PDB file of N, CA and C in Angstrom:
ATOM      1  N   MET A   1       0.950  -1.208  -0.203  1.00  0.00           N
ATOM      2  CA  MET A   1      -0.011  -0.026  -0.100  1.00  0.00           C
ATOM      3  C   MET A   1       1.023   1.369  -0.009  1.00  0.00           C
ATOM      4  N   PRO A   2       0.694   2.194  -0.914  1.00  0.00           N
ATOM      5  CA  PRO A   2       1.540   3.309  -0.934  1.00  0.00           C
ATOM      6  C   PRO A   2       1.276   4.093   0.372  1.00  0.00           C
ATOM      7  N   ALA A   3       2.437   5.007   0.702  1.00  0.00           N
ATOM      8  CA  ALA A   3       2.317   5.901   1.766  1.00  0.00           C
ATOM      9  C   ALA A   3       1.117   6.987   1.620  1.00  0.00           C
ATOM     10  N   THR A   4       0.676   7.611   2.482  1.00  0.00           N
ATOM     11  CA  THR A   4      -0.268   8.906   2.487  1.00  0.00           C
ATOM     12  C   THR A   4       0.660  10.097   3.006  1.00  0.00           C
ATOM     13  N   ALA A   5       0.112  11.197   2.634  1.00  0.00           N
ATOM     14  CA  ALA A   5       0.636  12.475   2.967  1.00  0.00           C
ATOM     15  C   ALA A   5       0.324  12.577   4.680  1.00  0.00           C
ATOM     16  N   ALA A   6      -0.644  12.066   5.134  1.00  0.00           N
ATOM     17  CA  ALA A   6      -1.103  12.011   6.491  1.00  0.00           C
ATOM     18  C   ALA A   6       0.010  11.272   7.237  1.00  0.00           C
ATOM     19  N   GLN A   7       0.300  10.119   6.733  1.00  0.00           N
ATOM     20  CA  GLN A   7       1.273   9.256   7.449  1.00  0.00           C
ATOM     21  C   GLN A   7       2.701  10.084   7.533  1.00  0.00           C
ATOM     22  N   LEU A   8       3.034  10.553   6.423  1.00  0.00           N
ATOM     23  CA  LEU A   8       4.408  11.314   6.370  1.00  0.00           C
ATOM     24  C   LEU A   8       4.272  12.436   7.380  1.00  0.00           C
ATOM     25  N   SER A   9       3.144  13.199   7.283  1.00  0.00           N
ATOM     26  CA  SER A   9       3.060  14.356   8.059  1.00  0.00           C
ATOM     27  C   SER A   9       3.015  13.863   9.738  1.00  0.00           C
ATOM     28  N   ALA A  10       2.534  12.836  10.033  1.00  0.00           N
ATOM     29  CA  ALA A  10       2.397  12.273  11.539  1.00  0.00           C
ATOM     30  C   ALA A  10       3.689  11.985  11.806  1.00  0.00           C
ATOM     31  N   ARG A  11       4.608  11.284  11.005  1.00  0.00           N
ATOM     32  CA  ARG A  11       6.004  10.766  11.315  1.00  0.00           C
ATOM     33  C   ARG A  11       6.745  12.196  11.560  1.00  0.00           C
ATOM     34  N   LEU A  12       6.799  13.131  10.706  1.00  0.00           N
ATOM     35  CA  LEU A  12       7.528  14.369  10.726  1.00  0.00           C
ATOM     36  C   LEU A  12       7.120  15.077  12.073  1.00  0.00           C
ATOM     37  N   SER A  13       5.887  15.141  12.428  1.00  0.00           N
ATOM     38  CA  SER A  13       5.448  15.815  13.694  1.00  0.00           C
ATOM     39  C   SER A  13       5.988  15.119  14.933  1.00  0.00           C
ATOM     40  N   GLU A  14       5.949  13.668  14.928  1.00  0.00           N
ATOM     41  CA  GLU A  14       6.655  12.838  16.064  1.00  0.00           C
ATOM     42  C   GLU A  14       8.093  13.075  16.098  1.00  0.00           C
ATOM     43  N   ARG A  15       8.687  12.953  15.021  1.00  0.00           N
ATOM     44  CA  ARG A  15      10.167  13.233  15.129  1.00  0.00           C
ATOM     45  C   ARG A  15      10.643  14.614  15.475  1.00  0.00           C
ATOM     46  N   LEU A  16       9.945  15.642  15.013  1.00  0.00           N
ATOM     47  CA  LEU A  16      10.280  16.905  15.286  1.00  0.00           C
ATOM     48  C   LEU A  16       9.034  17.757  15.778  1.00  0.00           C
ATOM     49  N   PRO A  17       9.010  17.545  17.319  1.00  0.00           N
ATOM     50  CA  PRO A  17       7.909  18.127  18.024  1.00  0.00           C
ATOM     51  C   PRO A  17       7.935  19.647  17.917  1.00  0.00           C
ATOM     52  N   GLY A  18       6.831  20.021  17.901  1.00  0.00           N
ATOM     53  CA  GLY A  18       6.541  21.617  17.578  1.00  0.00           C
ATOM     54  C   GLY A  18       6.717  22.025  16.289  1.00  0.00           C
ATOM     55  N   ALA A  19       7.198  21.354  15.302  1.00  0.00           N
ATOM     56  CA  ALA A  19       7.395  21.680  13.952  1.00  0.00           C
ATOM     57  C   ALA A  19       6.017  21.995  13.330  1.00  0.00           C
ATOM     58  N   ARG A  20       6.170  23.045  12.294  1.00  0.00           N
ATOM     59  CA  ARG A  20       5.081  23.171  11.512  1.00  0.00           C
ATOM     60  C   ARG A  20       5.357  22.350  10.283  1.00  0.00           C
ATOM     61  N   VAL A  21       4.417  21.357   9.845  1.00  0.00           N
ATOM     62  CA  VAL A  21       4.553  20.560   8.786  1.00  0.00           C
ATOM     63  C   VAL A  21       3.389  20.366   7.869  1.00  0.00           C
ATOM     64  N   GLU A  22       3.852  20.427   6.612  1.00  0.00           N
ATOM     65  CA  GLU A  22       2.863  20.430   5.597  1.00  0.00           C
ATOM     66  C   GLU A  22       3.311  19.370   4.667  1.00  0.00           C
ATOM     67  N   VAL A  23       2.648  18.254   4.151  1.00  0.00           N
ATOM     68  CA  VAL A  23       3.116  17.245   3.183  1.00  0.00           C
ATOM     69  C   VAL A  23       1.964  17.281   1.962  1.00  0.00           C
ATOM     70  N   LEU A  24       2.537  17.452   0.964  1.00  0.00           N
ATOM     71  CA  LEU A  24       1.457  17.356  -0.394  1.00  0.00           C
ATOM     72  C   LEU A  24       1.751  16.199  -1.276  1.00  0.00           C
ATOM     73  N   ASP A  25       0.756  15.378  -1.638  1.00  0.00           N
ATOM     74  CA  ASP A  25       1.097  14.306  -2.372  1.00  0.00           C
ATOM     75  C   ASP A  25       0.966  14.901  -3.664  1.00  0.00           C
ATOM     76  N   GLU A  26       2.042  14.892  -4.623  1.00  0.00           N
ATOM     77  CA  GLU A  26       2.054  15.404  -5.958  1.00  0.00           C
ATOM     78  C   GLU A  26       2.327  14.138  -7.057  1.00  0.00           C
ATOM     79  N   SER A  27       1.805  13.029  -6.594  1.00  0.00           N
ATOM     80  CA  SER A  27       2.216  11.922  -7.495  1.00  0.00           C
ATOM     81  C   SER A  27       1.369  11.936  -8.600  1.00  0.00           C
ATOM     82  N   ALA A  28       0.190  12.376  -8.611  1.00  0.00           N
ATOM     83  CA  ALA A  28      -0.595  12.461  -9.943  1.00  0.00           C
ATOM     84  C   ALA A  28       0.086  13.158 -10.935  1.00  0.00           C
ATOM     85  N   ALA A  29       0.742  14.336 -10.705  1.00  0.00           N
ATOM     86  CA  ALA A  29       1.591  15.273 -11.574  1.00  0.00           C
ATOM     87  C   ALA A  29       2.720  14.306 -12.308  1.00  0.00           C
ATOM     88  N   HIS A  30       3.047  13.162 -11.742  1.00  0.00           N
ATOM     89  CA  HIS A  30       4.200  12.456 -11.912  1.00  0.00           C
ATOM     90  C   HIS A  30       3.972  11.000 -12.635  1.00  0.00           C
ATOM     91  N   ALA A  31       2.672  10.857 -12.953  1.00  0.00           N
ATOM     92  CA  ALA A  31       2.272   9.678 -13.747  1.00  0.00           C
ATOM     93  C   ALA A  31       2.899   9.493 -15.006  1.00  0.00           C
ATOM     94  N   GLY A  32       3.351   8.266 -15.026  1.00  0.00           N
ATOM     95  CA  GLY A  32       4.156   7.817 -16.243  1.00  0.00           C
ATOM     96  C   GLY A  32       5.703   8.142 -16.104  1.00  0.00           C
ATOM     97  N   HIS A  33       6.121   8.942 -14.955  1.00  0.00           N
ATOM     98  CA  HIS A  33       7.488   9.167 -14.794  1.00  0.00           C
ATOM     99  C   HIS A  33       8.201   7.941 -13.915  1.00  0.00           C
ATOM    100  N   ALA A  34       9.277   7.946 -13.989  1.00  0.00           N
ATOM    101  CA  ALA A  34      10.389   7.048 -13.235  1.00  0.00           C
ATOM    102  C   ALA A  34       9.752   7.102 -11.703  1.00  0.00           C
ATOM    103  N   GLY A  35       9.480   5.873 -11.209  1.00  0.00           N
ATOM    104  CA  GLY A  35       9.122   5.923  -9.679  1.00  0.00           C
ATOM    105  C   GLY A  35       7.627   5.996  -9.309  1.00  0.00           C
ATOM    106  N   ALA A  36       6.817   6.378 -10.492  1.00  0.00           N
ATOM    107  CA  ALA A  36       5.280   6.524 -10.216  1.00  0.00           C
ATOM    108  C   ALA A  36       4.774   5.073 -10.279  1.00  0.00           C
ATOM    109  N   ASN A  37       3.781   5.062  -9.329  1.00  0.00           N
ATOM    110  CA  ASN A  37       3.272   3.582  -9.206  1.00  0.00           C
ATOM    111  C   ASN A  37       1.836   3.640  -9.741  1.00  0.00           C
ATOM    112  N   ALA A  38       1.301   2.414 -10.062  1.00  0.00           N
ATOM    113  CA  ALA A  38      -0.157   2.220 -10.768  1.00  0.00           C
ATOM    114  C   ALA A  38      -1.154   2.967 -10.087  1.00  0.00           C
ATOM    115  N   GLU A  39      -1.050   3.196  -8.840  1.00  0.00           N
ATOM    116  CA  GLU A  39      -2.134   3.827  -8.141  1.00  0.00           C
ATOM    117  C   GLU A  39      -2.466   5.321  -8.453  1.00  0.00           C
ATOM    118  N   GLY A  40      -1.192   5.955  -8.691  1.00  0.00           N
ATOM    119  CA  GLY A  40      -1.290   7.405  -8.978  1.00  0.00           C
ATOM    120  C   GLY A  40      -1.387   8.483  -7.689  1.00  0.00           C
ATOM    121  N   TRP A  41      -0.773   7.805  -6.577  1.00  0.00           N
ATOM    122  CA  TRP A  41      -0.626   8.391  -5.553  1.00  0.00           C
ATOM    123  C   TRP A  41       0.451   7.626  -4.497  1.00  0.00           C
ATOM    124  N   GLY A  42       0.921   8.284  -3.640  1.00  0.00           N
ATOM    125  CA  GLY A  42       1.899   7.759  -2.716  1.00  0.00           C
ATOM    126  C   GLY A  42       3.331   7.620  -3.190  1.00  0.00           C
ATOM    127  N   SER A  43       3.763   8.272  -4.296  1.00  0.00           N
ATOM    128  CA  SER A  43       5.070   8.030  -4.567  1.00  0.00           C
ATOM    129  C   SER A  43       5.884   9.346  -4.731  1.00  0.00           C
ATOM    130  N   HIS A  44       5.367  10.367  -4.853  1.00  0.00           N
ATOM    131  CA  HIS A  44       5.963  11.706  -5.067  1.00  0.00           C
ATOM    132  C   HIS A  44       5.348  12.778  -4.033  1.00  0.00           C
ATOM    133  N   PHE A  45       6.166  13.259  -3.223  1.00  0.00           N
ATOM    134  CA  PHE A  45       5.699  14.108  -2.075  1.00  0.00           C
ATOM    135  C   PHE A  45       6.534  15.492  -2.048  1.00  0.00           C
ATOM    136  N   ARG A  46       5.751  16.547  -1.655  1.00  0.00           N
ATOM    137  CA  ARG A  46       6.341  17.745  -1.190  1.00  0.00           C
ATOM    138  C   ARG A  46       6.314  18.037   0.143  1.00  0.00           C
ATOM    139  N   VAL A  47       7.379  18.208   0.916  1.00  0.00           N
ATOM    140  CA  VAL A  47       7.310  18.262   2.224  1.00  0.00           C
ATOM    141  C   VAL A  47       7.971  19.589   2.765  1.00  0.00           C
ATOM    142  N   ARG A  48       6.988  20.310   3.569  1.00  0.00           N
ATOM    143  CA  ARG A  48       7.476  21.710   4.045  1.00  0.00           C
ATOM    144  C   ARG A  48       7.489  21.565   5.641  1.00  0.00           C
ATOM    145  N   VAL A  49       8.549  21.979   6.111  1.00  0.00           N
ATOM    146  CA  VAL A  49       8.852  21.800   7.449  1.00  0.00           C
ATOM    147  C   VAL A  49       9.529  23.023   8.102  1.00  0.00           C
ATOM    148  N   ALA A  50       9.089  23.534   9.083  1.00  0.00           N
ATOM    149  CA  ALA A  50       9.682  24.642   9.820  1.00  0.00           C
ATOM    150  C   ALA A  50       9.846  24.132  11.040  1.00  0.00           C
ATOM    151  N   SER A  51      11.010  23.983  11.675  1.00  0.00           N
ATOM    152  CA  SER A  51      11.318  23.494  12.949  1.00  0.00           C
ATOM    153  C   SER A  51      12.607  24.255  13.720  1.00  0.00           C
ATOM    154  N   ASN A  52      12.357  24.398  14.956  1.00  0.00           N
ATOM    155  CA  ASN A  52      13.488  25.015  15.878  1.00  0.00           C
ATOM    156  C   ASN A  52      14.672  24.079  15.722  1.00  0.00           C
ATOM    157  N   ALA A  53      14.564  22.649  15.587  1.00  0.00           N
ATOM    158  CA  ALA A  53      15.488  21.815  15.483  1.00  0.00           C
ATOM    159  C   ALA A  53      16.449  21.925  14.256  1.00  0.00           C
ATOM    160  N   PHE A  54      16.093  22.798  13.330  1.00  0.00           N
ATOM    161  CA  PHE A  54      16.810  23.052  12.179  1.00  0.00           C
ATOM    162  C   PHE A  54      17.880  24.191  12.393  1.00  0.00           C
ATOM    163  N   HIS A  55      17.632  24.850  13.511  1.00  0.00           N
ATOM    164  CA  HIS A  55      18.435  25.997  13.864  1.00  0.00           C
ATOM    165  C   HIS A  55      20.025  25.863  13.760  1.00  0.00           C
ATOM    166  N   SER A  56      20.630  26.573  12.972  1.00  0.00           N
ATOM    167  CA  SER A  56      22.088  26.512  12.756  1.00  0.00           C
ATOM    168  C   SER A  56      22.729  25.174  12.110  1.00  0.00           C
ATOM    169  N   LEU A  57      21.612  24.412  11.358  1.00  0.00           N
ATOM    170  CA  LEU A  57      21.994  23.374  10.584  1.00  0.00           C
ATOM    171  C   LEU A  57      22.083  23.627   8.969  1.00  0.00           C
ATOM    172  N   SER A  58      23.102  23.053   8.339  1.00  0.00           N
ATOM    173  CA  SER A  58      23.092  23.258   6.926  1.00  0.00           C
ATOM    174  C   SER A  58      21.658  22.725   6.167  1.00  0.00           C
ATOM    175  N   ARG A  59      21.576  23.100   4.888  1.00  0.00           N
ATOM    176  CA  ARG A  59      20.489  22.713   4.211  1.00  0.00           C
ATOM    177  C   ARG A  59      20.662  21.120   4.094  1.00  0.00           C
ATOM    178  N   VAL A  60      21.824  20.767   3.920  1.00  0.00           N
ATOM    179  CA  VAL A  60      22.033  19.128   3.710  1.00  0.00           C
ATOM    180  C   VAL A  60      21.625  18.493   4.947  1.00  0.00           C
ATOM    181  N   ALA A  61      22.072  19.033   6.081  1.00  0.00           N
ATOM    182  CA  ALA A  61      21.747  18.429   7.475  1.00  0.00           C
ATOM    183  C   ALA A  61      20.261  18.458   7.822  1.00  0.00           C
ATOM    184  N   ARG A  62      19.600  19.455   7.364  1.00  0.00           N
ATOM    185  CA  ARG A  62      18.066  19.729   7.578  1.00  0.00           C
ATOM    186  C   ARG A  62      17.251  18.438   6.642  1.00  0.00           C
ATOM    187  N   HIS A  63      17.961  18.337   5.349  1.00  0.00           N
ATOM    188  CA  HIS A  63      17.339  17.320   4.526  1.00  0.00           C
ATOM    189  C   HIS A  63      17.580  15.834   5.063  1.00  0.00           C
ATOM    190  N   ARG A  64      18.554  15.799   5.621  1.00  0.00           N
ATOM    191  CA  ARG A  64      19.217  14.505   6.192  1.00  0.00           C
ATOM    192  C   ARG A  64      18.409  14.110   7.179  1.00  0.00           C
ATOM    193  N   LEU A  65      17.876  15.013   8.278  1.00  0.00           N
ATOM    194  CA  LEU A  65      16.917  14.749   9.315  1.00  0.00           C
ATOM    195  C   LEU A  65      15.490  14.273   8.815  1.00  0.00           C
ATOM    196  N   VAL A  66      15.165  15.000   7.638  1.00  0.00           N
ATOM    197  CA  VAL A  66      13.788  14.648   7.009  1.00  0.00           C
ATOM    198  C   VAL A  66      13.726  13.142   6.534  1.00  0.00           C
ATOM    199  N   TYR A  67      14.862  12.844   5.795  1.00  0.00           N
ATOM    200  CA  TYR A  67      15.093  11.516   5.161  1.00  0.00           C
ATOM    201  C   TYR A  67      15.155  10.533   6.168  1.00  0.00           C
ATOM    202  N   GLU A  68      15.863  10.833   7.289  1.00  0.00           N
ATOM    203  CA  GLU A  68      16.084   9.866   8.368  1.00  0.00           C
ATOM    204  C   GLU A  68      14.535   9.572   8.998  1.00  0.00           C
ATOM    205  N   ALA A  69      13.608  10.589   9.164  1.00  0.00           N
ATOM    206  CA  ALA A  69      12.554  10.350   9.712  1.00  0.00           C
ATOM    207  C   ALA A  69      11.577   9.553   8.960  1.00  0.00           C
ATOM    208  N   LEU A  70      11.732   9.801   7.638  1.00  0.00           N
ATOM    209  CA  LEU A  70      10.883   9.131   6.596  1.00  0.00           C
ATOM    210  C   LEU A  70      11.445   7.828   6.013  1.00  0.00           C
ATOM    211  N   ALA A  71      12.561   7.497   6.321  1.00  0.00           N
ATOM    212  CA  ALA A  71      13.253   6.102   5.759  1.00  0.00           C
ATOM    213  C   ALA A  71      12.169   4.984   5.672  1.00  0.00           C
ATOM    214  N   GLU A  72      11.482   4.800   6.689  1.00  0.00           N
ATOM    215  CA  GLU A  72      10.567   3.497   6.635  1.00  0.00           C
ATOM    216  C   GLU A  72       9.569   3.555   5.429  1.00  0.00           C
ATOM    217  N   PHE A  73       9.175   4.793   5.147  1.00  0.00           N
ATOM    218  CA  PHE A  73       8.177   5.092   3.987  1.00  0.00           C
ATOM    219  C   PHE A  73       8.937   4.832   2.600  1.00  0.00           C
ATOM    220  N   ILE A  74      10.149   5.345   2.595  1.00  0.00           N
ATOM    221  CA  ILE A  74      10.965   5.163   1.470  1.00  0.00           C
ATOM    222  C   ILE A  74      11.170   3.766   1.051  1.00  0.00           C
ATOM    223  N   GLU A  75      11.635   3.074   2.185  1.00  0.00           N
ATOM    224  CA  GLU A  75      12.030   1.650   2.001  1.00  0.00           C
ATOM    225  C   GLU A  75      10.930   0.626   1.852  1.00  0.00           C
ATOM    226  N   ARG A  76       9.915   0.925   2.681  1.00  0.00           N
ATOM    227  CA  ARG A  76       8.837  -0.102   2.719  1.00  0.00           C
ATOM    228  C   ARG A  76       7.687   0.212   1.777  1.00  0.00           C
ATOM    229  N   ASP A  77       7.282   1.593   1.490  1.00  0.00           N
ATOM    230  CA  ASP A  77       6.099   1.874   0.763  1.00  0.00           C
ATOM    231  C   ASP A  77       6.383   2.462  -0.410  1.00  0.00           C
ATOM    232  N   GLY A  78       7.533   2.585  -0.946  1.00  0.00           N
ATOM    233  CA  GLY A  78       7.776   3.069  -2.374  1.00  0.00           C
ATOM    234  C   GLY A  78       7.831   4.413  -2.627  1.00  0.00           C
ATOM    235  N   VAL A  79       7.894   5.207  -1.420  1.00  0.00           N
ATOM    236  CA  VAL A  79       8.237   6.676  -1.758  1.00  0.00           C
ATOM    237  C   VAL A  79       9.336   6.843  -2.600  1.00  0.00           C
ATOM    238  N   HIS A  80       9.173   7.474  -3.822  1.00  0.00           N
ATOM    239  CA  HIS A  80      10.345   7.593  -4.601  1.00  0.00           C
ATOM    240  C   HIS A  80      10.833   8.943  -4.656  1.00  0.00           C
ATOM    241  N   ALA A  81      10.092  10.059  -4.453  1.00  0.00           N
ATOM    242  CA  ALA A  81      10.735  11.396  -4.561  1.00  0.00           C
ATOM    243  C   ALA A  81      10.174  12.289  -3.583  1.00  0.00           C
ATOM    244  N   LEU A  82      11.049  13.099  -2.748  1.00  0.00           N
ATOM    245  CA  LEU A  82      10.658  13.988  -1.793  1.00  0.00           C
ATOM    246  C   LEU A  82      11.367  15.271  -2.097  1.00  0.00           C
ATOM    247  N   ALA A  83      10.487  16.334  -2.351  1.00  0.00           N
ATOM    248  CA  ALA A  83      10.802  17.739  -2.560  1.00  0.00           C
ATOM    249  C   ALA A  83      10.832  18.201  -1.180  1.00  0.00           C
ATOM    250  N   ILE A  84      11.973  18.794  -0.693  1.00  0.00           N
ATOM    251  CA  ILE A  84      11.950  19.247   0.774  1.00  0.00           C
ATOM    252  C   ILE A  84      12.324  20.622   0.805  1.00  0.00           C
ATOM    253  N   GLU A  85      11.362  21.314   1.657  1.00  0.00           N
ATOM    254  CA  GLU A  85      11.498  22.680   2.018  1.00  0.00           C
ATOM    255  C   GLU A  85      11.526  22.771   3.543  1.00  0.00           C
ATOM    256  N   ALA A  86      12.971  22.945   4.061  1.00  0.00           N
ATOM    257  CA  ALA A  86      13.035  22.877   5.500  1.00  0.00           C
ATOM    258  C   ALA A  86      13.378  24.263   6.139  1.00  0.00           C
ATOM    259  N   SER A  87      12.905  24.740   6.868  1.00  0.00           N
ATOM    260  CA  SER A  87      13.365  26.092   7.312  1.00  0.00           C
ATOM    261  C   SER A  87      13.471  26.148   8.919  1.00  0.00           C
ATOM    262  N   ASP A  88      14.277  27.019   9.421  1.00  0.00           N
ATOM    263  CA  ASP A  88      14.398  27.342  10.811  1.00  0.00           C
ATOM    264  C   ASP A  88      12.989  27.680  11.196  1.00  0.00           C
ATOM    265  N   GLY A  89      12.403  27.284  12.366  1.00  0.00           N
ATOM    266  CA  GLY A  89      11.075  27.338  12.972  1.00  0.00           C
ATOM    267  C   GLY A  89      11.059  28.834  13.251  1.00  0.00           C
ATOM    268  N   ALA A  90      12.168  29.513  13.540  1.00  0.00           N
ATOM    269  CA  ALA A  90      11.906  31.001  13.844  1.00  0.00           C
ATOM    270  C   ALA A  90      11.904  31.716  12.537  1.00  0.00           C
ATOM    271  N   ALA A  91      12.387  31.333  11.691  1.00  0.00           N
ATOM    272  CA  ALA A  91      12.337  31.918  10.319  1.00  0.00           C
ATOM    273  C   ALA A  91      11.100  31.861   9.543  1.00  0.00           C
ATOM    274  N   ALA A  92      10.359  30.798   9.767  1.00  0.00           N
ATOM    275  CA  ALA A  92       9.203  30.598   8.909  1.00  0.00           C
ATOM    276  C   ALA A  92       7.936  31.329   9.531  1.00  0.00           C
TER     277      ALA A  92
END
């Protein structure tokens, strides 16, 4: 079963308490592209996260935290692509 935006959002909120999280399933826009699944959802997501945990971290380190939080969905559920927008909670 493909992952849902709600599942990804819940995991990020769990791993980054107090963060502002928005997850959009953009899979339909990628139908027919590499990594798209037959269901048309659950493979391509845009993740917007603003968290104080990102304070003083580089862009790469912020993205690494997001990937680590969502690793289960990537490995188990076929999440193929994440477009990540990660900002310091104070800045957003």
